[in-house]
């Protein structure tokens, strides 16, 4: 039986991300968890919408998880919209104004507030969309053929 440190036991933030991803799929978004838009950055959820829109969702499972995150503002340059995803017990008054809010659990989510839209420049959108597609394809290949050299 796996213990709390086992890689097969999802952490609270990963459970939130799962619920967020399930919800965004109902809005026709393609989603990737733990995506790196550039070297040195890793977002919890990157979502690519049906019209090419790109959203970043950061999942915070506790006050300590949120207050220890000093890098979130660096993700704003990589999304048309930015959201926080938290559970219903999270003190949402901690979250910065001007950002989106999603209430989630391991099974679903609800978008309570949209942050302002800040459209990416065309060149950045193209590069990020290509990176998203390549990353998704490599993940799929890794699942279908885990012994392949990637």
N, C-alpha and C. Protein backbone atom coordinates (compact mmCIF):
# COMPACT_ATOMS: atom_id res chain seq x y z
N UNK A 1 0.85 -1.17 0.00
CA UNK A 1 0.00 0.00 0.00
C UNK A 1 0.90 1.24 0.00
N UNK A 2 0.64 2.24 -0.92
CA UNK A 2 1.51 3.41 -1.00
C UNK A 2 1.39 4.29 0.23
N UNK A 3 2.52 4.89 0.63
CA UNK A 3 2.48 5.85 1.74
C UNK A 3 2.32 7.25 1.17
N UNK A 4 2.30 8.26 2.02
CA UNK A 4 2.06 9.63 1.58
C UNK A 4 3.16 10.18 0.68
N UNK A 5 4.34 9.56 0.68
CA UNK A 5 5.45 10.06 -0.13
C UNK A 5 5.59 9.30 -1.45
N UNK A 6 4.74 8.33 -1.68
CA UNK A 6 4.80 7.54 -2.89
C UNK A 6 4.45 8.40 -4.11
N UNK A 7 5.18 8.20 -5.22
CA UNK A 7 4.83 8.96 -6.43
C UNK A 7 3.42 8.67 -6.93
N UNK A 8 2.86 7.53 -6.56
CA UNK A 8 1.52 7.19 -7.01
C UNK A 8 0.42 7.85 -6.17
N UNK A 9 0.80 8.45 -5.05
CA UNK A 9 -0.18 9.15 -4.21
C UNK A 9 -0.19 10.62 -4.60
N UNK A 10 -1.28 11.08 -5.23
CA UNK A 10 -1.33 12.49 -5.65
C UNK A 10 -1.27 13.44 -4.45
N UNK A 11 -0.55 14.53 -4.63
CA UNK A 11 -0.50 15.58 -3.62
C UNK A 11 -1.75 16.44 -3.74
N UNK A 12 -2.10 17.21 -2.71
CA UNK A 12 -3.33 18.01 -2.76
C UNK A 12 -3.42 18.94 -3.97
N UNK A 13 -2.34 19.58 -4.33
CA UNK A 13 -2.36 20.46 -5.50
C UNK A 13 -2.61 19.70 -6.79
N UNK A 14 -2.11 18.47 -6.87
CA UNK A 14 -2.34 17.65 -8.05
C UNK A 14 -3.81 17.25 -8.15
N UNK A 15 -4.43 17.01 -7.01
CA UNK A 15 -5.86 16.68 -7.01
C UNK A 15 -6.68 17.88 -7.49
N UNK A 16 -6.31 19.08 -7.03
CA UNK A 16 -6.99 20.29 -7.51
C UNK A 16 -6.81 20.43 -9.02
N UNK A 17 -5.59 20.20 -9.49
CA UNK A 17 -5.30 20.31 -10.92
C UNK A 17 -6.15 19.33 -11.72
N UNK A 18 -6.35 18.13 -11.20
CA UNK A 18 -7.18 17.15 -11.90
C UNK A 18 -8.61 17.67 -12.06
N UNK A 19 -9.18 18.21 -10.99
CA UNK A 19 -10.53 18.77 -11.06
C UNK A 19 -10.61 19.93 -12.03
N UNK A 20 -9.60 20.80 -12.01
CA UNK A 20 -9.55 21.94 -12.94
C UNK A 20 -9.50 21.44 -14.38
N UNK A 21 -8.63 20.47 -14.64
CA UNK A 21 -8.49 19.95 -16.00
C UNK A 21 -9.80 19.32 -16.48
N UNK A 22 -10.46 18.58 -15.62
CA UNK A 22 -11.75 18.00 -16.00
C UNK A 22 -12.76 19.09 -16.36
N UNK A 23 -12.78 20.14 -15.55
CA UNK A 23 -13.73 21.22 -15.81
C UNK A 23 -13.39 21.95 -17.12
N UNK A 24 -12.14 22.26 -17.33
CA UNK A 24 -11.76 22.97 -18.54
C UNK A 24 -12.03 22.15 -19.80
N UNK A 25 -11.94 20.84 -19.68
CA UNK A 25 -12.28 19.98 -20.84
C UNK A 25 -13.76 20.16 -21.22
N UNK A 26 -14.62 20.42 -20.24
CA UNK A 26 -16.03 20.64 -20.58
C UNK A 26 -16.24 21.95 -21.34
N UNK A 27 -15.24 22.82 -21.31
CA UNK A 27 -15.27 24.07 -22.07
C UNK A 27 -14.42 23.96 -23.34
N UNK A 28 -14.08 22.73 -23.72
CA UNK A 28 -13.34 22.43 -24.94
C UNK A 28 -11.89 22.91 -24.92
N UNK A 29 -11.29 22.99 -23.73
CA UNK A 29 -9.88 23.31 -23.62
C UNK A 29 -9.06 22.03 -23.60
N UNK A 30 -7.92 22.06 -24.26
CA UNK A 30 -6.91 21.01 -24.12
C UNK A 30 -6.02 21.44 -22.95
N UNK A 31 -5.66 20.51 -22.10
CA UNK A 31 -4.94 20.88 -20.88
C UNK A 31 -3.68 20.05 -20.69
N UNK A 32 -2.67 20.68 -20.10
CA UNK A 32 -1.45 20.00 -19.69
C UNK A 32 -1.15 20.40 -18.26
N UNK A 33 -0.86 19.42 -17.45
CA UNK A 33 -0.41 19.70 -16.09
C UNK A 33 1.11 19.78 -16.07
N UNK A 34 1.62 20.59 -15.15
CA UNK A 34 3.06 20.76 -14.95
C UNK A 34 3.77 21.02 -16.27
N UNK A 35 3.37 22.10 -16.89
CA UNK A 35 3.91 22.51 -18.19
C UNK A 35 4.92 23.63 -18.00
N UNK A 36 5.97 23.59 -18.78
CA UNK A 36 7.02 24.61 -18.71
C UNK A 36 6.95 25.52 -19.94
N UNK A 37 6.44 26.76 -19.77
CA UNK A 37 6.36 27.66 -20.92
C UNK A 37 7.73 28.15 -21.39
N UNK A 38 8.70 28.14 -20.48
CA UNK A 38 10.10 28.45 -20.81
C UNK A 38 10.97 27.86 -19.71
N UNK A 39 12.23 27.75 -19.98
CA UNK A 39 13.16 27.19 -19.00
C UNK A 39 13.07 27.95 -17.67
N UNK A 40 12.96 27.19 -16.59
CA UNK A 40 12.91 27.80 -15.26
C UNK A 40 11.52 28.11 -14.75
N UNK A 41 10.52 27.90 -15.58
CA UNK A 41 9.14 28.14 -15.15
C UNK A 41 8.34 26.84 -15.31
N UNK A 42 7.43 26.57 -14.37
CA UNK A 42 6.55 25.41 -14.47
C UNK A 42 5.20 25.78 -13.90
N UNK A 43 4.20 25.79 -14.76
CA UNK A 43 2.84 26.13 -14.31
C UNK A 43 2.11 24.84 -13.98
N UNK A 44 1.15 24.93 -13.06
CA UNK A 44 0.40 23.75 -12.66
C UNK A 44 -0.50 23.26 -13.79
N UNK A 45 -1.21 24.18 -14.44
CA UNK A 45 -2.08 23.82 -15.57
C UNK A 45 -1.95 24.89 -16.65
N UNK A 46 -1.69 24.43 -17.87
CA UNK A 46 -1.75 25.30 -19.03
C UNK A 46 -2.90 24.78 -19.87
N UNK A 47 -3.77 25.69 -20.29
CA UNK A 47 -4.96 25.29 -21.04
C UNK A 47 -4.98 26.04 -22.37
N UNK A 48 -5.23 25.30 -23.43
CA UNK A 48 -5.33 25.84 -24.78
C UNK A 48 -6.78 25.74 -25.22
N UNK A 49 -7.40 26.90 -25.44
CA UNK A 49 -8.83 26.95 -25.75
C UNK A 49 -9.15 26.73 -27.22
N UNK A 50 -10.42 26.57 -27.52
CA UNK A 50 -10.86 26.29 -28.89
C UNK A 50 -10.58 27.43 -29.87
N UNK A 51 -10.37 28.63 -29.37
CA UNK A 51 -10.06 29.78 -30.23
C UNK A 51 -8.59 30.17 -30.14
N UNK A 52 -7.78 29.28 -29.56
CA UNK A 52 -6.35 29.53 -29.44
C UNK A 52 -5.95 30.28 -28.19
N UNK A 53 -6.91 30.56 -27.30
CA UNK A 53 -6.59 31.27 -26.07
C UNK A 53 -5.76 30.38 -25.14
N UNK A 54 -4.87 31.01 -24.40
CA UNK A 54 -3.99 30.28 -23.48
C UNK A 54 -4.21 30.79 -22.06
N UNK A 55 -4.54 29.87 -21.17
CA UNK A 55 -4.78 30.20 -19.77
C UNK A 55 -3.78 29.46 -18.90
N UNK A 56 -3.35 30.12 -17.84
CA UNK A 56 -2.51 29.50 -16.81
C UNK A 56 -3.34 29.41 -15.54
N UNK A 57 -3.29 28.24 -14.90
CA UNK A 57 -3.98 28.04 -13.63
C UNK A 57 -2.95 27.53 -12.62
N UNK A 58 -2.80 28.26 -11.53
CA UNK A 58 -1.94 27.83 -10.44
C UNK A 58 -2.81 27.28 -9.32
N UNK A 59 -2.53 26.08 -8.87
CA UNK A 59 -3.32 25.38 -7.85
C UNK A 59 -2.65 25.53 -6.49
N UNK A 60 -3.39 26.04 -5.54
CA UNK A 60 -2.86 26.24 -4.20
C UNK A 60 -3.72 25.49 -3.20
N UNK A 61 -3.08 24.60 -2.46
CA UNK A 61 -3.80 23.71 -1.55
C UNK A 61 -3.87 24.22 -0.12
N UNK A 62 -3.12 25.30 0.17
CA UNK A 62 -3.13 25.82 1.54
C UNK A 62 -2.60 27.25 1.56
N UNK A 63 -2.80 27.90 2.69
CA UNK A 63 -2.25 29.25 2.88
C UNK A 63 -0.72 29.23 2.73
N UNK A 64 -0.08 28.24 3.34
CA UNK A 64 1.39 28.14 3.28
C UNK A 64 1.85 27.93 1.84
N UNK A 65 1.14 27.12 1.08
CA UNK A 65 1.47 26.88 -0.32
C UNK A 65 1.40 28.20 -1.10
N UNK A 66 0.38 29.00 -0.84
CA UNK A 66 0.23 30.28 -1.53
C UNK A 66 1.31 31.28 -1.11
N UNK A 67 1.51 31.45 0.19
CA UNK A 67 2.44 32.48 0.66
C UNK A 67 3.90 32.16 0.32
N UNK A 68 4.20 30.89 0.06
CA UNK A 68 5.58 30.54 -0.29
C UNK A 68 5.85 30.68 -1.79
N UNK A 69 4.83 31.01 -2.58
CA UNK A 69 4.98 31.14 -4.03
C UNK A 69 5.33 32.57 -4.39
N UNK A 70 6.60 32.81 -4.68
CA UNK A 70 7.05 34.15 -5.04
C UNK A 70 7.19 34.32 -6.55
N UNK A 71 6.89 33.29 -7.32
CA UNK A 71 7.16 33.34 -8.75
C UNK A 71 5.93 33.49 -9.63
N UNK A 72 4.75 33.51 -9.06
CA UNK A 72 3.52 33.48 -9.86
C UNK A 72 3.40 34.65 -10.83
N UNK A 73 3.88 35.81 -10.46
CA UNK A 73 3.74 36.97 -11.35
C UNK A 73 4.52 36.79 -12.65
N UNK A 74 5.56 35.96 -12.62
CA UNK A 74 6.30 35.65 -13.84
C UNK A 74 5.51 34.85 -14.85
N UNK A 75 4.41 34.25 -14.42
CA UNK A 75 3.56 33.47 -15.32
C UNK A 75 2.57 34.34 -16.09
N UNK A 76 2.35 35.56 -15.64
CA UNK A 76 1.37 36.43 -16.28
C UNK A 76 1.74 36.71 -17.74
N UNK A 77 3.02 36.73 -18.05
CA UNK A 77 3.47 37.02 -19.41
C UNK A 77 3.27 35.84 -20.36
N UNK A 78 2.78 34.73 -19.84
CA UNK A 78 2.64 33.52 -20.63
C UNK A 78 1.18 33.09 -20.80
N UNK A 79 0.25 33.98 -20.53
CA UNK A 79 -1.17 33.59 -20.61
C UNK A 79 -2.03 34.77 -21.01
N UNK A 80 -3.14 34.44 -21.68
CA UNK A 80 -4.16 35.44 -21.96
C UNK A 80 -4.98 35.74 -20.71
N UNK A 81 -5.13 34.71 -19.87
CA UNK A 81 -5.82 34.85 -18.57
C UNK A 81 -5.08 34.02 -17.54
N UNK A 82 -5.09 34.51 -16.31
CA UNK A 82 -4.43 33.83 -15.20
C UNK A 82 -5.45 33.55 -14.10
N UNK A 83 -5.41 32.33 -13.58
CA UNK A 83 -6.34 31.90 -12.54
C UNK A 83 -5.61 31.25 -11.38
N UNK A 84 -6.21 31.39 -10.21
CA UNK A 84 -5.86 30.58 -9.05
C UNK A 84 -6.93 29.51 -8.92
N UNK A 85 -6.53 28.30 -8.57
CA UNK A 85 -7.49 27.24 -8.26
C UNK A 85 -7.23 26.82 -6.81
N UNK A 86 -8.29 26.87 -6.01
CA UNK A 86 -8.19 26.54 -4.59
C UNK A 86 -9.43 25.73 -4.20
N UNK A 87 -9.36 25.10 -3.03
CA UNK A 87 -10.56 24.38 -2.58
C UNK A 87 -11.48 25.35 -1.85
N UNK A 88 -12.68 24.86 -1.50
CA UNK A 88 -13.68 25.74 -0.92
C UNK A 88 -13.31 26.26 0.46
N UNK A 89 -12.36 25.62 1.16
CA UNK A 89 -11.96 26.07 2.49
C UNK A 89 -10.83 27.11 2.44
N UNK A 90 -10.25 27.35 1.27
CA UNK A 90 -9.12 28.27 1.14
C UNK A 90 -9.59 29.71 1.41
N UNK A 91 -8.79 30.50 2.15
CA UNK A 91 -9.14 31.91 2.41
C UNK A 91 -8.89 32.76 1.15
N UNK A 92 -9.90 32.88 0.31
CA UNK A 92 -9.73 33.53 -0.99
C UNK A 92 -9.39 35.02 -0.90
N UNK A 93 -9.59 35.64 0.27
CA UNK A 93 -9.21 37.04 0.41
C UNK A 93 -7.70 37.23 0.31
N UNK A 94 -6.91 36.17 0.40
CA UNK A 94 -5.46 36.25 0.23
C UNK A 94 -5.06 36.45 -1.23
N UNK A 95 -5.93 36.03 -2.13
CA UNK A 95 -5.57 36.03 -3.55
C UNK A 95 -5.60 37.45 -4.12
N UNK A 96 -4.63 37.78 -4.95
CA UNK A 96 -4.53 39.14 -5.50
C UNK A 96 -5.74 39.51 -6.37
N UNK A 97 -6.13 40.77 -6.28
CA UNK A 97 -7.16 41.29 -7.18
C UNK A 97 -6.63 41.22 -8.60
N UNK A 98 -7.52 41.19 -9.55
CA UNK A 98 -7.10 41.19 -10.95
C UNK A 98 -6.65 39.83 -11.45
N UNK A 99 -6.99 38.77 -10.72
CA UNK A 99 -6.68 37.41 -11.16
C UNK A 99 -7.97 36.60 -11.11
N UNK A 100 -8.00 35.54 -11.89
CA UNK A 100 -9.18 34.68 -11.91
C UNK A 100 -9.21 33.76 -10.71
N UNK A 101 -10.39 33.23 -10.43
CA UNK A 101 -10.57 32.33 -9.29
C UNK A 101 -11.40 31.12 -9.70
N UNK A 102 -10.86 29.96 -9.41
CA UNK A 102 -11.53 28.70 -9.65
C UNK A 102 -11.59 27.95 -8.32
N UNK A 103 -12.77 27.49 -7.95
CA UNK A 103 -12.92 26.62 -6.78
C UNK A 103 -12.96 25.19 -7.32
N UNK A 104 -12.10 24.34 -6.76
CA UNK A 104 -11.95 22.99 -7.32
C UNK A 104 -11.85 21.96 -6.22
N UNK A 105 -12.09 20.73 -6.62
CA UNK A 105 -11.75 19.56 -5.81
C UNK A 105 -11.15 18.55 -6.78
N UNK A 106 -10.98 17.34 -6.36
CA UNK A 106 -10.32 16.34 -7.20
C UNK A 106 -11.15 15.91 -8.39
N UNK A 107 -12.43 16.26 -8.41
CA UNK A 107 -13.33 15.73 -9.43
C UNK A 107 -13.91 16.76 -10.38
N UNK A 108 -13.94 18.02 -9.99
CA UNK A 108 -14.52 19.04 -10.84
C UNK A 108 -14.11 20.41 -10.31
N UNK A 109 -14.60 21.44 -10.95
CA UNK A 109 -14.27 22.80 -10.55
C UNK A 109 -15.36 23.74 -11.05
N UNK A 110 -15.29 24.97 -10.57
CA UNK A 110 -16.21 26.01 -11.03
C UNK A 110 -15.43 27.32 -11.11
N UNK A 111 -15.56 27.99 -12.24
CA UNK A 111 -14.91 29.29 -12.40
C UNK A 111 -15.81 30.32 -11.74
N UNK A 112 -15.29 30.95 -10.68
CA UNK A 112 -16.06 31.97 -9.98
C UNK A 112 -15.77 33.38 -10.49
N UNK A 113 -14.53 33.58 -10.95
CA UNK A 113 -14.15 34.93 -11.39
C UNK A 113 -13.12 34.82 -12.51
N UNK A 114 -13.35 35.57 -13.56
CA UNK A 114 -12.37 35.67 -14.64
C UNK A 114 -11.46 36.85 -14.35
N UNK A 115 -10.18 36.64 -14.45
CA UNK A 115 -9.24 37.76 -14.38
C UNK A 115 -9.29 38.51 -15.70
N UNK A 116 -8.66 39.65 -15.77
CA UNK A 116 -8.68 40.42 -17.02
C UNK A 116 -7.95 39.67 -18.13
N UNK A 117 -8.42 39.88 -19.35
CA UNK A 117 -7.74 39.28 -20.49
C UNK A 117 -6.59 40.17 -20.90
N UNK A 118 -5.44 39.58 -21.11
CA UNK A 118 -4.26 40.28 -21.58
C UNK A 118 -3.69 39.44 -22.72
N UNK A 119 -4.10 39.75 -23.94
CA UNK A 119 -3.76 38.91 -25.09
C UNK A 119 -2.25 38.87 -25.33
N UNK A 120 -1.77 37.66 -25.55
CA UNK A 120 -0.35 37.48 -25.87
C UNK A 120 -0.03 38.05 -27.24
N UNK A 121 1.20 38.49 -27.40
CA UNK A 121 1.66 38.94 -28.71
C UNK A 121 1.69 37.73 -29.65
N UNK A 122 1.48 37.97 -30.93
CA UNK A 122 1.39 36.90 -31.91
C UNK A 122 2.57 35.94 -31.91
N UNK A 123 3.78 36.48 -31.88
CA UNK A 123 4.97 35.63 -31.91
C UNK A 123 5.06 34.76 -30.66
N UNK A 124 4.74 35.32 -29.51
CA UNK A 124 4.78 34.53 -28.27
C UNK A 124 3.68 33.46 -28.29
N UNK A 125 2.48 33.82 -28.76
CA UNK A 125 1.38 32.86 -28.85
C UNK A 125 1.77 31.68 -29.74
N UNK A 126 2.35 31.99 -30.89
CA UNK A 126 2.75 30.93 -31.83
C UNK A 126 3.79 30.02 -31.19
N UNK A 127 4.81 30.60 -30.60
CA UNK A 127 5.87 29.80 -29.98
C UNK A 127 5.33 28.95 -28.82
N UNK A 128 4.46 29.55 -28.01
CA UNK A 128 3.91 28.83 -26.86
C UNK A 128 2.97 27.72 -27.31
N UNK A 129 2.17 27.98 -28.34
CA UNK A 129 1.28 26.95 -28.85
C UNK A 129 2.07 25.78 -29.43
N UNK A 130 3.16 26.08 -30.14
CA UNK A 130 4.02 25.01 -30.67
C UNK A 130 4.66 24.21 -29.53
N UNK A 131 5.12 24.90 -28.50
CA UNK A 131 5.72 24.21 -27.35
C UNK A 131 4.68 23.32 -26.67
N UNK A 132 3.46 23.83 -26.52
CA UNK A 132 2.36 23.07 -25.92
C UNK A 132 2.11 21.79 -26.74
N UNK A 133 1.99 21.94 -28.06
CA UNK A 133 1.71 20.79 -28.93
C UNK A 133 2.85 19.77 -28.87
N UNK A 134 4.06 20.22 -28.91
CA UNK A 134 5.21 19.31 -28.87
C UNK A 134 5.26 18.57 -27.54
N UNK A 135 5.04 19.31 -26.46
CA UNK A 135 5.06 18.71 -25.13
C UNK A 135 3.95 17.65 -25.00
N UNK A 136 2.77 17.98 -25.50
CA UNK A 136 1.66 17.03 -25.44
C UNK A 136 1.97 15.77 -26.25
N UNK A 137 2.53 15.95 -27.44
CA UNK A 137 2.86 14.80 -28.29
C UNK A 137 3.93 13.93 -27.64
N UNK A 138 4.94 14.53 -27.05
CA UNK A 138 5.98 13.75 -26.38
C UNK A 138 5.44 13.00 -25.18
N UNK A 139 4.52 13.62 -24.44
CA UNK A 139 3.89 12.91 -23.32
C UNK A 139 3.09 11.71 -23.82
N UNK A 140 2.35 11.90 -24.89
CA UNK A 140 1.56 10.80 -25.44
C UNK A 140 2.47 9.67 -25.91
N UNK A 141 3.55 10.03 -26.59
CA UNK A 141 4.49 9.01 -27.05
C UNK A 141 5.09 8.26 -25.86
N UNK A 142 5.42 8.98 -24.80
CA UNK A 142 5.96 8.35 -23.61
C UNK A 142 4.99 7.39 -22.94
N UNK A 143 3.69 7.70 -23.01
CA UNK A 143 2.68 6.79 -22.47
C UNK A 143 2.51 5.57 -23.35
N UNK A 144 2.53 5.77 -24.66
CA UNK A 144 2.33 4.65 -25.60
C UNK A 144 3.56 3.77 -25.72
N UNK A 145 4.74 4.35 -25.54
CA UNK A 145 5.99 3.60 -25.65
C UNK A 145 6.98 4.08 -24.60
N UNK A 146 6.76 3.65 -23.33
CA UNK A 146 7.60 4.16 -22.24
C UNK A 146 9.08 3.81 -22.35
N UNK A 147 9.41 2.84 -23.19
CA UNK A 147 10.81 2.45 -23.33
C UNK A 147 11.53 3.23 -24.43
N UNK A 148 10.80 4.07 -25.15
CA UNK A 148 11.42 4.88 -26.21
C UNK A 148 12.38 5.89 -25.60
N UNK A 149 13.36 6.23 -26.34
CA UNK A 149 14.32 7.27 -25.91
C UNK A 149 13.73 8.61 -26.27
N UNK A 150 13.44 9.40 -25.24
CA UNK A 150 12.84 10.72 -25.49
C UNK A 150 13.75 11.79 -24.93
